Amino acid sequence: MRWLRERLGPDVRTYCEHQCDAIMPFSGGYSETTLEAEPKDKPAHYRVWSGLDNWEIYRWLCPGSELAARLSEKKGRPPTGFETPDEFYARCQIIPLVPVNDFSRAPVINALQATRAK
């Protein structure tokens, strides 16, 4: 990735699916997310496939790191009032990936990001 970064320059964003602490200075990470809300999942939660603990470590080791993720799977129905995927991403400082058939989420994401920026 260092070789690619030298050739691409600092302005081209890249996202590595299998990230590690050595790659984060040169590329953002990509992951998928599952909503775990089956009756056995107490409490309901989102699972970032590459690991939320890893993401916290990467941000600590390499400030300014980026992680982009999409909601891949919903297992069960979350309880009433449970945070939306976009609220979860904003809270965890993860870039939400929005499919082209779901642009209706854009205003909500913009509002969440504006709130977090304050």
Protein backbone atom coordinates (compact mmCIF):
# COMPACT_ATOMS: atom_id res chain seq x y z
CA MET A 1 0.00 0.00 0.00
CA ARG A 2 2.92 2.32 0.63
CA TRP A 3 3.98 1.79 -3.01
CA LEU A 4 0.44 2.62 -4.21
CA ARG A 5 0.16 5.66 -1.95
CA GLU A 6 3.44 7.05 -3.33
CA ARG A 7 2.04 6.80 -6.85
CA LEU A 8 -1.55 7.89 -6.11
CA GLY A 9 -0.64 10.79 -3.85
CA PRO A 10 -2.46 11.88 -0.70
CA ASP A 11 -5.71 13.01 -2.34
CA VAL A 12 -6.94 9.68 -3.74
CA ARG A 13 -8.96 7.80 -1.15
CA THR A 14 -8.58 4.05 -0.95
CA TYR A 15 -10.30 1.56 1.32
CA CYS A 16 -8.73 -1.78 2.20
CA GLU A 17 -11.11 -4.60 3.11
CA HIS A 18 -8.62 -6.51 5.25
CA GLN A 19 -7.06 -3.66 7.16
CA CYS A 20 -4.43 -3.80 9.87
CA ASP A 21 -2.45 -1.28 11.86
CA ALA A 22 0.33 -1.26 9.23
CA ILE A 23 -2.04 -0.31 6.38
CA MET A 24 -4.04 2.45 8.10
CA PRO A 25 -1.42 5.21 7.56
CA PHE A 26 -1.75 4.60 3.81
CA SER A 27 -5.38 3.61 3.25
CA GLY A 28 -8.78 3.76 4.85
CA GLY A 29 -10.58 0.58 5.79
CA TYR A 30 -13.72 -0.99 4.39
CA SER A 31 -16.04 -3.22 6.37
CA GLU A 32 -19.57 -4.51 6.45
CA THR A 33 -22.01 -4.39 9.33
CA THR A 34 -24.64 -6.77 10.67
CA LEU A 35 -27.55 -5.79 12.88
CA GLU A 36 -27.71 -8.53 15.52
CA ALA A 37 -31.26 -8.33 16.90
CA GLU A 38 -32.43 -11.94 17.23
CA PRO A 39 -34.06 -12.88 20.56
CA LYS A 40 -30.75 -14.45 21.66
CA ASP A 41 -28.90 -11.14 21.04
CA LYS A 42 -29.41 -9.26 24.30
CA PRO A 43 -28.94 -6.40 23.91
CA ALA A 44 -29.38 -5.87 20.21
CA HIS A 45 -26.25 -4.45 18.60
CA TYR A 46 -24.40 -3.73 15.38
CA ARG A 47 -21.39 -5.87 14.53
CA VAL A 48 -18.71 -4.36 12.33
CA TRP A 49 -17.09 -7.32 10.64
CA SER A 50 -13.54 -6.00 10.96
CA GLY A 51 -14.14 -5.31 14.65
CA LEU A 52 -15.09 -2.16 16.55
CA ASP A 53 -12.22 -2.71 18.97
CA ASN A 54 -9.81 -2.83 16.03
CA TRP A 55 -11.29 0.40 14.66
CA GLU A 56 -10.71 2.16 18.00
CA ILE A 57 -7.11 0.95 18.03
CA TYR A 58 -6.51 2.09 14.44
CA ARG A 59 -7.88 5.57 15.24
CA TRP A 60 -5.61 5.76 18.27
CA LEU A 61 -2.52 4.56 16.38
CA CYS A 62 -3.18 6.61 13.26
CA PRO A 63 -5.29 9.72 13.94
CA GLY A 64 -7.31 10.68 10.88
CA SER A 65 -7.88 7.07 9.83
CA GLU A 66 -11.09 6.36 7.95
CA LEU A 67 -13.38 3.35 8.03
CA ALA A 68 -16.24 3.08 5.54
CA ALA A 69 -18.97 0.49 6.04
CA ARG A 70 -22.32 -0.62 4.76
CA LEU A 71 -25.16 -2.42 6.48
CA SER A 72 -24.93 -5.86 4.95
CA GLU A 73 -27.40 -7.91 6.95
CA LYS A 74 -30.23 -7.51 9.44
CA LYS A 75 -30.80 -10.42 11.81
CA GLY A 76 -34.06 -9.89 13.65
CA ARG A 77 -35.99 -6.74 14.48
CA PRO A 78 -34.42 -4.17 16.76
CA PRO A 79 -36.36 -2.91 19.77
CA THR A 80 -38.38 0.28 19.49
CA GLY A 81 -36.15 3.33 19.67
CA PHE A 82 -32.99 1.40 18.74
CA GLU A 83 -30.43 3.54 16.94
CA THR A 84 -30.45 3.47 13.16
CA PRO A 85 -27.40 2.24 11.26
CA ASP A 86 -26.58 5.85 10.38
CA GLU A 87 -26.75 6.91 14.03
CA PHE A 88 -24.44 4.01 14.90
CA TYR A 89 -21.98 5.01 12.16
CA ALA A 90 -21.98 8.64 13.31
CA ARG A 91 -21.41 7.61 16.94
CA CYS A 92 -18.50 5.34 15.95
CA GLN A 93 -17.04 7.80 13.42
CA ILE A 94 -17.54 5.40 10.51
CA ILE A 95 -18.29 6.63 6.99
CA PRO A 96 -21.70 5.23 5.95
CA LEU A 97 -21.83 3.74 2.47
CA VAL A 98 -25.18 4.41 0.85
CA PRO A 99 -26.45 2.24 -2.01
CA VAL A 100 -27.72 4.08 -5.06
CA ASN A 101 -31.26 2.88 -4.36
CA ASP A 102 -31.31 4.46 -0.88
CA PHE A 103 -30.42 8.13 -1.37
CA SER A 104 -33.38 9.04 0.87
CA ARG A 105 -30.92 8.51 3.77
CA ALA A 106 -28.70 11.40 2.63
CA PRO A 107 -30.51 14.25 4.49
CA VAL A 108 -30.47 12.26 7.74
CA ILE A 109 -26.78 11.43 7.34
CA ASN A 110 -25.97 15.09 6.64
CA ALA A 111 -27.84 16.15 9.79
CA LEU A 112 -26.08 13.51 11.92
CA GLN A 113 -22.68 14.55 10.62
CA ALA A 114 -23.43 18.22 11.24
CA THR A 115 -24.49 17.41 14.82
CA ARG A 116 -21.30 15.38 15.43
CA ALA A 117 -19.10 18.14 14.00
CA LYS A 118 -20.21 20.63 16.68
